[in-house]
Amino acid sequence: MEHMTSDIEIMNRGINCLLEKLGVIETERFISVINREKFDYTKWQRQRFDNVDSEEFNEVAINYSKENPFQKK
């Protein structure tokens, strides 16, 4: 049986990722922007990838997966 990750665990892991990649100040800024702008992740992703053709998207995804192999914790 697979362990279901709680919302608190996901939030902690997410904050830790942000802190690791952005540092404390930029993490705080990121959270502020998300809250202030009523951030819509789906809309952001659509805007981000609308102008990317499928071959380019596939190439970026493959390179990302090579550089960031899946690690189950």
N, C-alpha and C. Protein backbone atom coordinates (compact mmCIF):
# COMPACT_ATOMS: atom_id res chain seq x y z
N MET A 1 0.84 -1.19 0.00
CA MET A 1 0.00 0.00 0.00
C MET A 1 0.89 1.25 0.00
N GLU A 2 0.59 2.18 -0.90
CA GLU A 2 1.39 3.38 -1.04
C GLU A 2 0.99 4.43 0.00
N HIS A 3 1.99 5.10 0.54
CA HIS A 3 1.77 6.14 1.54
C HIS A 3 1.20 7.39 0.89
N MET A 4 0.10 7.92 1.42
CA MET A 4 -0.50 9.15 0.93
C MET A 4 0.16 10.33 1.63
N THR A 5 0.74 11.23 0.87
CA THR A 5 1.42 12.38 1.43
C THR A 5 0.39 13.39 1.92
N SER A 6 0.56 13.86 3.15
CA SER A 6 -0.37 14.84 3.70
C SER A 6 -0.10 16.22 3.12
N ASP A 7 -1.07 17.11 3.24
CA ASP A 7 -0.90 18.48 2.76
C ASP A 7 0.27 19.16 3.46
N ILE A 8 0.43 18.92 4.74
CA ILE A 8 1.53 19.53 5.50
C ILE A 8 2.88 19.03 4.97
N GLU A 9 2.98 17.73 4.69
CA GLU A 9 4.22 17.18 4.15
C GLU A 9 4.54 17.81 2.79
N ILE A 10 3.53 17.95 1.94
CA ILE A 10 3.74 18.55 0.63
C ILE A 10 4.18 20.01 0.77
N MET A 11 3.53 20.74 1.66
CA MET A 11 3.91 22.14 1.88
C MET A 11 5.35 22.24 2.39
N ASN A 12 5.72 21.38 3.32
CA ASN A 12 7.09 21.41 3.85
C ASN A 12 8.10 21.09 2.77
N ARG A 13 7.82 20.08 1.96
CA ARG A 13 8.74 19.73 0.88
C ARG A 13 8.84 20.85 -0.15
N GLY A 14 7.71 21.47 -0.46
CA GLY A 14 7.70 22.58 -1.41
C GLY A 14 8.50 23.76 -0.91
N ILE A 15 8.29 24.13 0.34
CA ILE A 15 9.04 25.25 0.92
C ILE A 15 10.53 24.93 0.95
N ASN A 16 10.87 23.70 1.31
CA ASN A 16 12.28 23.31 1.33
C ASN A 16 12.91 23.40 -0.06
N CYS A 17 12.17 23.01 -1.09
CA CYS A 17 12.68 23.14 -2.47
C CYS A 17 12.90 24.60 -2.82
N LEU A 18 11.92 25.44 -2.50
CA LEU A 18 12.06 26.86 -2.78
C LEU A 18 13.25 27.45 -2.05
N LEU A 19 13.38 27.11 -0.78
CA LEU A 19 14.50 27.63 0.01
C LEU A 19 15.84 27.19 -0.56
N GLU A 20 15.91 25.94 -0.98
CA GLU A 20 17.15 25.41 -1.54
C GLU A 20 17.52 26.11 -2.85
N LYS A 21 16.53 26.36 -3.70
CA LYS A 21 16.80 26.94 -5.02
C LYS A 21 16.83 28.46 -5.01
N LEU A 22 16.00 29.10 -4.18
CA LEU A 22 15.86 30.55 -4.22
C LEU A 22 16.49 31.28 -3.03
N GLY A 23 16.61 30.60 -1.92
CA GLY A 23 17.05 31.27 -0.70
C GLY A 23 15.85 31.87 0.03
N VAL A 24 16.10 32.37 1.23
CA VAL A 24 15.01 32.83 2.10
C VAL A 24 14.28 34.04 1.50
N ILE A 25 15.01 35.04 1.09
CA ILE A 25 14.38 36.29 0.64
C ILE A 25 13.56 36.08 -0.63
N GLU A 26 14.13 35.39 -1.62
CA GLU A 26 13.38 35.16 -2.85
C GLU A 26 12.21 34.20 -2.65
N THR A 27 12.32 33.27 -1.71
CA THR A 27 11.18 32.41 -1.38
C THR A 27 10.05 33.24 -0.82
N GLU A 28 10.37 34.16 0.08
CA GLU A 28 9.35 35.05 0.65
C GLU A 28 8.71 35.90 -0.44
N ARG A 29 9.52 36.41 -1.36
CA ARG A 29 8.98 37.21 -2.46
C ARG A 29 8.06 36.37 -3.34
N PHE A 30 8.48 35.13 -3.63
CA PHE A 30 7.67 34.23 -4.45
C PHE A 30 6.30 34.00 -3.81
N ILE A 31 6.30 33.70 -2.52
CA ILE A 31 5.03 33.45 -1.82
C ILE A 31 4.17 34.70 -1.82
N SER A 32 4.78 35.88 -1.62
CA SER A 32 4.03 37.14 -1.65
C SER A 32 3.38 37.38 -2.99
N VAL A 33 4.12 37.13 -4.07
CA VAL A 33 3.57 37.33 -5.42
C VAL A 33 2.40 36.37 -5.66
N ILE A 34 2.58 35.13 -5.28
CA ILE A 34 1.52 34.12 -5.46
C ILE A 34 0.25 34.57 -4.72
N ASN A 35 0.39 35.01 -3.50
CA ASN A 35 -0.77 35.43 -2.72
C ASN A 35 -1.39 36.72 -3.26
N ARG A 36 -0.56 37.67 -3.63
CA ARG A 36 -1.04 38.98 -4.08
C ARG A 36 -1.73 38.88 -5.43
N GLU A 37 -1.21 38.07 -6.32
CA GLU A 37 -1.71 38.01 -7.69
C GLU A 37 -2.84 37.00 -7.89
N LYS A 38 -3.28 36.35 -6.85
CA LYS A 38 -4.30 35.29 -7.01
C LYS A 38 -3.85 34.33 -8.10
N PHE A 39 -2.67 33.79 -7.92
CA PHE A 39 -1.96 32.97 -8.89
C PHE A 39 -2.80 31.80 -9.37
N ASP A 40 -2.89 31.64 -10.68
CA ASP A 40 -3.60 30.52 -11.31
C ASP A 40 -2.55 29.68 -12.05
N TYR A 41 -2.15 28.57 -11.44
CA TYR A 41 -1.08 27.73 -11.98
C TYR A 41 -1.40 27.23 -13.39
N THR A 42 -2.64 26.80 -13.61
CA THR A 42 -3.03 26.26 -14.91
C THR A 42 -2.92 27.33 -15.99
N LYS A 43 -3.41 28.53 -15.71
CA LYS A 43 -3.32 29.63 -16.67
C LYS A 43 -1.85 29.97 -16.95
N TRP A 44 -1.04 30.01 -15.91
CA TRP A 44 0.39 30.31 -16.06
C TRP A 44 1.07 29.28 -16.95
N GLN A 45 0.79 28.00 -16.73
CA GLN A 45 1.39 26.94 -17.54
C GLN A 45 0.96 27.06 -19.00
N ARG A 46 -0.30 27.37 -19.22
CA ARG A 46 -0.78 27.52 -20.60
C ARG A 46 -0.06 28.67 -21.29
N GLN A 47 0.07 29.81 -20.61
CA GLN A 47 0.77 30.95 -21.19
C GLN A 47 2.24 30.61 -21.43
N ARG A 48 2.81 29.87 -20.52
CA ARG A 48 4.22 29.52 -20.60
C ARG A 48 4.51 28.60 -21.78
N PHE A 49 3.60 27.67 -22.07
CA PHE A 49 3.87 26.65 -23.07
C PHE A 49 3.08 26.80 -24.37
N ASP A 50 2.22 27.80 -24.49
CA ASP A 50 1.42 27.97 -25.71
C ASP A 50 2.26 28.12 -26.96
N ASN A 51 3.39 28.79 -26.87
CA ASN A 51 4.21 29.06 -28.05
C ASN A 51 5.34 28.06 -28.24
N VAL A 52 5.29 26.94 -27.52
CA VAL A 52 6.33 25.92 -27.63
C VAL A 52 5.78 24.76 -28.44
N ASP A 53 6.49 24.41 -29.53
CA ASP A 53 5.99 23.28 -30.32
C ASP A 53 6.30 21.96 -29.59
N SER A 54 5.64 20.90 -30.00
CA SER A 54 5.73 19.63 -29.29
C SER A 54 7.14 19.04 -29.30
N GLU A 55 7.89 19.23 -30.40
CA GLU A 55 9.26 18.70 -30.45
C GLU A 55 10.16 19.42 -29.45
N GLU A 56 10.04 20.75 -29.38
CA GLU A 56 10.85 21.52 -28.42
C GLU A 56 10.47 21.14 -26.99
N PHE A 57 9.17 21.01 -26.72
CA PHE A 57 8.71 20.64 -25.39
C PHE A 57 9.27 19.28 -25.01
N ASN A 58 9.21 18.32 -25.93
CA ASN A 58 9.72 16.97 -25.68
C ASN A 58 11.21 17.00 -25.39
N GLU A 59 11.97 17.77 -26.16
CA GLU A 59 13.41 17.88 -25.96
C GLU A 59 13.74 18.45 -24.58
N VAL A 60 13.02 19.50 -24.19
CA VAL A 60 13.25 20.11 -22.88
C VAL A 60 12.90 19.12 -21.77
N ALA A 61 11.80 18.39 -21.94
CA ALA A 61 11.38 17.42 -20.93
C ALA A 61 12.41 16.29 -20.78
N ILE A 62 12.92 15.80 -21.89
CA ILE A 62 13.93 14.74 -21.84
C ILE A 62 15.19 15.22 -21.15
N ASN A 63 15.66 16.41 -21.52
CA ASN A 63 16.86 16.96 -20.89
C ASN A 63 16.66 17.18 -19.39
N TYR A 64 15.48 17.68 -19.03
CA TYR A 64 15.18 17.90 -17.62
C TYR A 64 15.21 16.57 -16.85
N SER A 65 14.59 15.54 -17.43
CA SER A 65 14.54 14.25 -16.72
C SER A 65 15.92 13.63 -16.59
N LYS A 66 16.80 13.88 -17.56
CA LYS A 66 18.18 13.38 -17.43
C LYS A 66 18.95 14.10 -16.33
N GLU A 67 18.72 15.42 -16.24
CA GLU A 67 19.43 16.23 -15.25
C GLU A 67 18.81 16.10 -13.85
N ASN A 68 17.55 15.69 -13.76
CA ASN A 68 16.82 15.60 -12.51
C ASN A 68 16.11 14.26 -12.39
N PRO A 69 16.87 13.18 -12.22
CA PRO A 69 16.23 11.87 -12.16
C PRO A 69 15.26 11.78 -10.98
N PHE A 70 14.19 11.03 -11.19
CA PHE A 70 13.18 10.84 -10.16
C PHE A 70 13.79 10.11 -8.97
N GLN A 71 13.57 10.68 -7.81
CA GLN A 71 14.06 10.07 -6.58
C GLN A 71 12.90 9.96 -5.60
N LYS A 72 12.47 8.77 -5.34
CA LYS A 72 11.39 8.55 -4.40
C LYS A 72 11.94 8.63 -2.99
N LYS A 73 11.31 9.42 -2.17
CA LYS A 73 11.77 9.60 -0.79
C LYS A 73 10.87 8.88 0.18
